[in-house]
């Protein structure tokens, strides 16, 4: 037995929360329990980061007028996206893609300013700051799901507009609007899968060269 592994029940719980995590869009505004949001953010801060740069910053949107402004901007971007998807625009407009006005908490996630000063691990791949922040969001997502709280990642926004709304530094980079809150139920499968927008990829592991069969089955 591996002395470093968790118990069978703990391992099962970890795989369960990964499997049942969902990008949620339907919320109701009941407040989170005391300390709950702080726990989720603490989980985010435990994420790995390239060069230990910890490039993520969270802006909690507690002003209702600002939340409405953010929602209005996202809705305008939704219309522009509908035009961009072409022949699937009608299908796209039937999708619910955010819950900004109905969730308990809204967080804007951004990459820090002056990121060029961080070189370790980023000399040839500067986008690793984004990868690190995505790990932080995933940590928060899994922690929320484990506590029965929904989280949805909204990316329908123009970064410069959101930066201005949140009074962020000029060289910072907003990457996500997170909607967090209570839900009536979690989707049985990803919403874009159940609505027929797309299907889950099957062949994602190659061996030695691109396109070969990696022989690793989920």
C-alpha atoms as a PDB file:
ATOM      1  CA  UNK A   1       0.000   0.000   0.000  1.00  0.00           C
ATOM      2  CA  UNK A   2       1.189   3.474  -0.831  1.00  0.00           C
ATOM      3  CA  UNK A   3       1.737   5.202   2.542  1.00  0.00           C
ATOM      4  CA  UNK A   4       0.984   8.595   0.998  1.00  0.00           C
ATOM      5  CA  UNK A   5      -2.463   7.822  -0.364  1.00  0.00           C
ATOM      6  CA  UNK A   6      -5.727   8.850   1.268  1.00  0.00           C
ATOM      7  CA  UNK A   7      -8.331   6.434   2.545  1.00  0.00           C
ATOM      8  CA  UNK A   8     -10.612   4.701   0.046  1.00  0.00           C
ATOM      9  CA  UNK A   9     -13.558   6.903   1.072  1.00  0.00           C
ATOM     10  CA  UNK A  10     -11.514  10.090   0.729  1.00  0.00           C
ATOM     11  CA  UNK A  11     -10.281   9.053  -2.713  1.00  0.00           C
ATOM     12  CA  UNK A  12     -13.845   8.272  -3.771  1.00  0.00           C
ATOM     13  CA  UNK A  13     -14.981  11.715  -2.592  1.00  0.00           C
ATOM     14  CA  UNK A  14     -12.243  13.464  -4.572  1.00  0.00           C
ATOM     15  CA  UNK A  15     -13.157  11.697  -7.787  1.00  0.00           C
ATOM     16  CA  UNK A  16     -16.832  12.329  -7.113  1.00  0.00           C
ATOM     17  CA  UNK A  17     -16.447  16.094  -6.738  1.00  0.00           C
ATOM     18  CA  UNK A  18     -14.373  16.211  -9.932  1.00  0.00           C
ATOM     19  CA  UNK A  19     -17.008  14.180 -11.790  1.00  0.00           C
ATOM     20  CA  UNK A  20     -19.995  16.167 -10.473  1.00  0.00           C
ATOM     21  CA  UNK A  21     -18.595  19.683 -10.813  1.00  0.00           C
ATOM     22  CA  UNK A  22     -20.770  21.736 -13.160  1.00  0.00           C
ATOM     23  CA  UNK A  23     -20.624  25.167 -14.794  1.00  0.00           C
ATOM     24  CA  UNK A  24     -23.832  26.468 -13.232  1.00  0.00           C
ATOM     25  CA  UNK A  25     -26.170  29.135 -14.632  1.00  0.00           C
ATOM     26  CA  UNK A  26     -29.318  28.794 -12.523  1.00  0.00           C
ATOM     27  CA  UNK A  27     -29.136  30.217  -9.001  1.00  0.00           C
ATOM     28  CA  UNK A  28     -31.281  31.688  -6.273  1.00  0.00           C
ATOM     29  CA  UNK A  29     -30.032  34.621  -4.161  1.00  0.00           C
ATOM     30  CA  UNK A  30     -29.984  33.045  -0.693  1.00  0.00           C
ATOM     31  CA  UNK A  31     -26.765  34.297   0.970  1.00  0.00           C
ATOM     32  CA  UNK A  32     -23.860  31.946   1.491  1.00  0.00           C
ATOM     33  CA  UNK A  33     -23.212  30.737   5.021  1.00  0.00           C
ATOM     34  CA  UNK A  34     -20.806  32.721   7.171  1.00  0.00           C
ATOM     35  CA  UNK A  35     -17.228  31.933   6.225  1.00  0.00           C
ATOM     36  CA  UNK A  36     -18.176  29.976   3.110  1.00  0.00           C
ATOM     37  CA  UNK A  37     -16.876  32.428   0.532  1.00  0.00           C
ATOM     38  CA  UNK A  38     -13.685  32.864   2.562  1.00  0.00           C
ATOM     39  CA  UNK A  39     -13.135  29.087   2.458  1.00  0.00           C
ATOM     40  CA  UNK A  40     -13.579  29.004  -1.303  1.00  0.00           C
ATOM     41  CA  UNK A  41     -11.080  31.819  -1.772  1.00  0.00           C
ATOM     42  CA  UNK A  42      -8.648  30.116   0.597  1.00  0.00           C
ATOM     43  CA  UNK A  43      -8.924  26.984  -1.556  1.00  0.00           C
ATOM     44  CA  UNK A  44      -8.146  29.090  -4.619  1.00  0.00           C
ATOM     45  CA  UNK A  45      -5.010  30.432  -2.960  1.00  0.00           C
ATOM     46  CA  UNK A  46      -3.776  26.866  -2.438  1.00  0.00           C
ATOM     47  CA  UNK A  47      -3.538  26.375  -6.219  1.00  0.00           C
ATOM     48  CA  UNK A  48      -0.188  25.786  -7.901  1.00  0.00           C
ATOM     49  CA  UNK A  49       1.303  28.724  -9.766  1.00  0.00           C
ATOM     50  CA  UNK A  50       4.222  28.872 -12.175  1.00  0.00           C
ATOM     51  CA  UNK A  51       7.209  30.503 -10.504  1.00  0.00           C
ATOM     52  CA  UNK A  52       5.062  30.839  -7.364  1.00  0.00           C
ATOM     53  CA  UNK A  53       3.828  34.124  -8.808  1.00  0.00           C
ATOM     54  CA  UNK A  54       0.228  33.665  -7.604  1.00  0.00           C
ATOM     55  CA  UNK A  55      -1.078  35.907 -10.405  1.00  0.00           C
ATOM     56  CA  UNK A  56      -4.770  35.797  -9.481  1.00  0.00           C
ATOM     57  CA  UNK A  57      -6.728  38.603  -7.859  1.00  0.00           C
ATOM     58  CA  UNK A  58     -10.410  38.454  -6.862  1.00  0.00           C
ATOM     59  CA  UNK A  59     -12.721  41.454  -6.858  1.00  0.00           C
ATOM     60  CA  UNK A  60     -15.906  40.866  -4.890  1.00  0.00           C
ATOM     61  CA  UNK A  61     -18.813  42.759  -6.464  1.00  0.00           C
ATOM     62  CA  UNK A  62     -20.938  43.875  -3.511  1.00  0.00           C
ATOM     63  CA  UNK A  63     -22.344  47.046  -5.107  1.00  0.00           C
ATOM     64  CA  UNK A  64     -25.702  46.246  -6.725  1.00  0.00           C
ATOM     65  CA  UNK A  65     -25.368  49.043  -9.281  1.00  0.00           C
ATOM     66  CA  UNK A  66     -21.976  47.716 -10.393  1.00  0.00           C
ATOM     67  CA  UNK A  67     -23.390  44.211 -10.631  1.00  0.00           C
ATOM     68  CA  UNK A  68     -26.133  45.548 -12.894  1.00  0.00           C
ATOM     69  CA  UNK A  69     -23.561  47.344 -15.062  1.00  0.00           C
ATOM     70  CA  UNK A  70     -21.544  44.155 -15.408  1.00  0.00           C
ATOM     71  CA  UNK A  71     -24.677  42.230 -16.327  1.00  0.00           C
ATOM     72  CA  UNK A  72     -25.643  44.814 -18.959  1.00  0.00           C
ATOM     73  CA  UNK A  73     -22.184  44.596 -20.503  1.00  0.00           C
ATOM     74  CA  UNK A  74     -22.275  40.788 -20.558  1.00  0.00           C
ATOM     75  CA  UNK A  75     -25.720  40.839 -22.167  1.00  0.00           C
ATOM     76  CA  UNK A  76     -24.456  43.186 -24.888  1.00  0.00           C
ATOM     77  CA  UNK A  77     -21.543  40.817 -25.530  1.00  0.00           C
ATOM     78  CA  UNK A  78     -24.007  37.925 -25.681  1.00  0.00           C
ATOM     79  CA  UNK A  79     -25.752  39.627 -28.598  1.00  0.00           C
ATOM     80  CA  UNK A  80     -22.434  40.180 -30.397  1.00  0.00           C
ATOM     81  CA  UNK A  81     -21.496  36.537 -29.827  1.00  0.00           C
ATOM     82  CA  UNK A  82     -24.831  35.442 -31.288  1.00  0.00           C
ATOM     83  CA  UNK A  83     -23.899  37.293 -34.476  1.00  0.00           C
ATOM     84  CA  UNK A  84     -20.461  35.696 -34.474  1.00  0.00           C
ATOM     85  CA  UNK A  85     -21.720  32.092 -34.297  1.00  0.00           C
ATOM     86  CA  UNK A  86     -23.541  32.563 -37.574  1.00  0.00           C
ATOM     87  CA  UNK A  87     -26.118  29.941 -38.494  1.00  0.00           C
ATOM     88  CA  UNK A  88     -26.309  28.701 -34.897  1.00  0.00           C
ATOM     89  CA  UNK A  89     -27.275  32.131 -33.542  1.00  0.00           C
ATOM     90  CA  UNK A  90     -30.882  31.172 -32.791  1.00  0.00           C
ATOM     91  CA  UNK A  91     -29.727  28.057 -30.984  1.00  0.00           C
ATOM     92  CA  UNK A  92     -27.147  30.107 -29.091  1.00  0.00           C
ATOM     93  CA  UNK A  93     -29.749  32.624 -27.906  1.00  0.00           C
ATOM     94  CA  UNK A  94     -31.684  29.804 -26.230  1.00  0.00           C
ATOM     95  CA  UNK A  95     -28.739  29.025 -23.948  1.00  0.00           C
ATOM     96  CA  UNK A  96     -28.580  30.513 -20.462  1.00  0.00           C
ATOM     97  CA  UNK A  97     -24.973  31.578 -20.081  1.00  0.00           C
ATOM     98  CA  UNK A  98     -24.830  33.510 -16.818  1.00  0.00           C
ATOM     99  CA  UNK A  99     -26.552  34.069 -13.489  1.00  0.00           C
ATOM    100  CA  UNK A 100     -25.087  37.423 -12.519  1.00  0.00           C
ATOM    101  CA  UNK A 101     -28.292  38.954 -11.191  1.00  0.00           C
ATOM    102  CA  UNK A 102     -29.592  35.871  -9.388  1.00  0.00           C
ATOM    103  CA  UNK A 103     -26.560  34.413  -7.604  1.00  0.00           C
ATOM    104  CA  UNK A 104     -25.427  35.145  -4.050  1.00  0.00           C
ATOM    105  CA  UNK A 105     -21.930  36.373  -4.935  1.00  0.00           C
ATOM    106  CA  UNK A 106     -20.156  37.718  -8.002  1.00  0.00           C
ATOM    107  CA  UNK A 107     -16.366  37.712  -8.237  1.00  0.00           C
ATOM    108  CA  UNK A 108     -14.265  39.168 -11.026  1.00  0.00           C
ATOM    109  CA  UNK A 109     -11.002  37.269 -11.425  1.00  0.00           C
ATOM    110  CA  UNK A 110      -8.018  39.051 -12.916  1.00  0.00           C
ATOM    111  CA  UNK A 111      -4.334  38.592 -13.610  1.00  0.00           C
ATOM    112  CA  UNK A 112      -2.096  41.018 -11.751  1.00  0.00           C
ATOM    113  CA  UNK A 113      -0.463  44.024 -13.338  1.00  0.00           C
ATOM    114  CA  UNK A 114       3.294  44.163 -14.000  1.00  0.00           C
ATOM    115  CA  UNK A 115       3.307  40.454 -14.840  1.00  0.00           C
ATOM    116  CA  UNK A 116       6.331  40.854 -17.116  1.00  0.00           C
ATOM    117  CA  UNK A 117       8.539  41.014 -14.021  1.00  0.00           C
ATOM    118  CA  UNK A 118       7.874  37.310 -13.373  1.00  0.00           C
ATOM    119  CA  UNK A 119      10.281  35.314 -15.536  1.00  0.00           C
ATOM    120  CA  UNK A 120      10.605  31.926 -13.823  1.00  0.00           C
ATOM    121  CA  UNK A 121       8.588  29.420 -15.862  1.00  0.00           C
ATOM    122  CA  UNK A 122       7.304  32.137 -18.203  1.00  0.00           C
ATOM    123  CA  UNK A 123      10.311  33.097 -20.325  1.00  0.00           C
ATOM    124  CA  UNK A 124       9.067  31.154 -23.345  1.00  0.00           C
ATOM    125  CA  UNK A 125       5.433  30.738 -22.255  1.00  0.00           C
ATOM    126  CA  UNK A 126       4.166  33.974 -20.684  1.00  0.00           C
ATOM    127  CA  UNK A 127       0.612  32.614 -20.807  1.00  0.00           C
ATOM    128  CA  UNK A 128       1.426  30.360 -17.841  1.00  0.00           C
ATOM    129  CA  UNK A 129       0.071  33.094 -15.576  1.00  0.00           C
ATOM    130  CA  UNK A 130      -3.344  32.415 -17.095  1.00  0.00           C
ATOM    131  CA  UNK A 131      -2.893  28.667 -16.590  1.00  0.00           C
ATOM    132  CA  UNK A 132      -2.044  29.283 -12.938  1.00  0.00           C
ATOM    133  CA  UNK A 133      -5.130  31.450 -12.393  1.00  0.00           C
ATOM    134  CA  UNK A 134      -7.285  28.782 -14.026  1.00  0.00           C
ATOM    135  CA  UNK A 135      -5.974  26.291 -11.450  1.00  0.00           C
ATOM    136  CA  UNK A 136      -7.069  28.686  -8.691  1.00  0.00           C
ATOM    137  CA  UNK A 137     -10.552  28.913 -10.176  1.00  0.00           C
ATOM    138  CA  UNK A 138     -10.754  25.134 -10.452  1.00  0.00           C
ATOM    139  CA  UNK A 139      -9.805  24.787  -6.773  1.00  0.00           C
ATOM    140  CA  UNK A 140     -12.607  27.182  -5.859  1.00  0.00           C
ATOM    141  CA  UNK A 141     -15.031  25.314  -8.128  1.00  0.00           C
ATOM    142  CA  UNK A 142     -14.326  21.963  -6.507  1.00  0.00           C
ATOM    143  CA  UNK A 143     -14.510  23.388  -2.978  1.00  0.00           C
ATOM    144  CA  UNK A 144     -17.867  25.009  -3.768  1.00  0.00           C
ATOM    145  CA  UNK A 145     -19.249  21.800  -5.279  1.00  0.00           C
ATOM    146  CA  UNK A 146     -18.145  19.802  -2.249  1.00  0.00           C
ATOM    147  CA  UNK A 147     -20.188  22.181  -0.064  1.00  0.00           C
ATOM    148  CA  UNK A 148     -23.223  21.982  -2.370  1.00  0.00           C
ATOM    149  CA  UNK A 149     -22.745  25.474  -3.812  1.00  0.00           C
ATOM    150  CA  UNK A 150     -22.902  26.210  -7.541  1.00  0.00           C
ATOM    151  CA  UNK A 151     -20.307  28.198  -9.474  1.00  0.00           C
ATOM    152  CA  UNK A 152     -20.433  29.429 -13.054  1.00  0.00           C
ATOM    153  CA  UNK A 153     -17.583  30.907 -15.106  1.00  0.00           C
ATOM    154  CA  UNK A 154     -18.727  33.744 -17.390  1.00  0.00           C
ATOM    155  CA  UNK A 155     -16.371  34.835 -20.180  1.00  0.00           C
ATOM    156  CA  UNK A 156     -18.749  36.919 -22.297  1.00  0.00           C
ATOM    157  CA  UNK A 157     -17.103  40.294 -21.745  1.00  0.00           C
ATOM    158  CA  UNK A 158     -14.679  42.704 -23.311  1.00  0.00           C
ATOM    159  CA  UNK A 159     -11.631  42.787 -20.986  1.00  0.00           C
ATOM    160  CA  UNK A 160     -10.985  46.510 -21.388  1.00  0.00           C
ATOM    161  CA  UNK A 161     -14.607  47.340 -20.526  1.00  0.00           C
ATOM    162  CA  UNK A 162     -14.617  45.132 -17.429  1.00  0.00           C
ATOM    163  CA  UNK A 163     -11.258  46.556 -16.390  1.00  0.00           C
ATOM    164  CA  UNK A 164     -12.725  50.037 -16.541  1.00  0.00           C
ATOM    165  CA  UNK A 165     -15.889  49.081 -14.638  1.00  0.00           C
ATOM    166  CA  UNK A 166     -13.820  47.596 -11.813  1.00  0.00           C
ATOM    167  CA  UNK A 167     -11.196  50.371 -11.803  1.00  0.00           C
ATOM    168  CA  UNK A 168      -8.348  47.940 -12.404  1.00  0.00           C
ATOM    169  CA  UNK A 169      -4.758  48.866 -13.335  1.00  0.00           C
ATOM    170  CA  UNK A 170      -4.182  49.368 -17.053  1.00  0.00           C
ATOM    171  CA  UNK A 171      -1.960  46.300 -17.477  1.00  0.00           C
ATOM    172  CA  UNK A 172      -4.054  43.929 -15.367  1.00  0.00           C
ATOM    173  CA  UNK A 173      -6.188  41.398 -17.212  1.00  0.00           C
ATOM    174  CA  UNK A 174      -9.711  40.299 -16.230  1.00  0.00           C
ATOM    175  CA  UNK A 175     -10.211  36.645 -17.162  1.00  0.00           C
ATOM    176  CA  UNK A 176     -13.476  35.572 -15.534  1.00  0.00           C
ATOM    177  CA  UNK A 177     -16.698  36.610 -13.897  1.00  0.00           C
ATOM    178  CA  UNK A 178     -17.664  33.986 -11.334  1.00  0.00           C
ATOM    179  CA  UNK A 179     -21.276  33.535 -10.236  1.00  0.00           C
ATOM    180  CA  UNK A 180     -21.492  31.691  -6.922  1.00  0.00           C
ATOM    181  CA  UNK A 181     -24.582  30.633  -5.020  1.00  0.00           C
ATOM    182  CA  UNK A 182     -27.219  28.143  -4.014  1.00  0.00           C
ATOM    183  CA  UNK A 183     -28.898  26.043  -6.696  1.00  0.00           C
ATOM    184  CA  UNK A 184     -32.001  23.894  -6.730  1.00  0.00           C
ATOM    185  CA  UNK A 185     -30.058  21.057  -8.335  1.00  0.00           C
ATOM    186  CA  UNK A 186     -26.842  20.399 -10.196  1.00  0.00           C
ATOM    187  CA  UNK A 187     -27.057  19.557 -13.890  1.00  0.00           C
ATOM    188  CA  UNK A 188     -26.752  15.790 -14.484  1.00  0.00           C
ATOM    189  CA  UNK A 189     -24.181  16.512 -17.214  1.00  0.00           C
ATOM    190  CA  UNK A 190     -22.545  19.676 -18.613  1.00  0.00           C
ATOM    191  CA  UNK A 191     -25.289  22.003 -19.832  1.00  0.00           C
ATOM    192  CA  UNK A 192     -23.763  22.482 -23.287  1.00  0.00           C
ATOM    193  CA  UNK A 193     -23.769  18.701 -23.648  1.00  0.00           C
ATOM    194  CA  UNK A 194     -27.366  18.171 -22.521  1.00  0.00           C
ATOM    195  CA  UNK A 195     -28.595  20.965 -24.801  1.00  0.00           C
ATOM    196  CA  UNK A 196     -26.815  19.428 -27.778  1.00  0.00           C
ATOM    197  CA  UNK A 197     -24.408  22.308 -28.334  1.00  0.00           C
ATOM    198  CA  UNK A 198     -21.390  19.982 -28.283  1.00  0.00           C
ATOM    199  CA  UNK A 199     -20.271  16.539 -27.127  1.00  0.00           C
ATOM    200  CA  UNK A 200     -17.451  15.383 -24.896  1.00  0.00           C
ATOM    201  CA  UNK A 201     -14.233  14.508 -26.705  1.00  0.00           C
ATOM    202  CA  UNK A 202     -13.187  10.856 -26.578  1.00  0.00           C
ATOM    203  CA  UNK A 203      -9.687  10.572 -28.084  1.00  0.00           C
ATOM    204  CA  UNK A 204      -7.567  13.023 -26.090  1.00  0.00           C
ATOM    205  CA  UNK A 205      -4.476  10.945 -25.248  1.00  0.00           C
ATOM    206  CA  UNK A 206      -1.735  10.348 -27.828  1.00  0.00           C
ATOM    207  CA  UNK A 207       1.524   8.447 -27.460  1.00  0.00           C
ATOM    208  CA  UNK A 208       4.867   9.744 -28.686  1.00  0.00           C
ATOM    209  CA  UNK A 209       3.374  11.674 -31.593  1.00  0.00           C
ATOM    210  CA  UNK A 210       0.234  13.641 -32.384  1.00  0.00           C
ATOM    211  CA  UNK A 211      -2.736  11.544 -33.493  1.00  0.00           C
ATOM    212  CA  UNK A 212      -1.508   8.158 -32.284  1.00  0.00           C
ATOM    213  CA  UNK A 213      -3.496   5.992 -29.886  1.00  0.00           C
ATOM    214  CA  UNK A 214      -2.174   6.603 -26.399  1.00  0.00           C
ATOM    215  CA  UNK A 215      -3.709   3.434 -25.041  1.00  0.00           C
ATOM    216  CA  UNK A 216      -5.004   5.183 -21.908  1.00  0.00           C
ATOM    217  CA  UNK A 217      -8.735   4.784 -21.460  1.00  0.00           C
ATOM    218  CA  UNK A 218     -10.854   6.777 -19.028  1.00  0.00           C
END
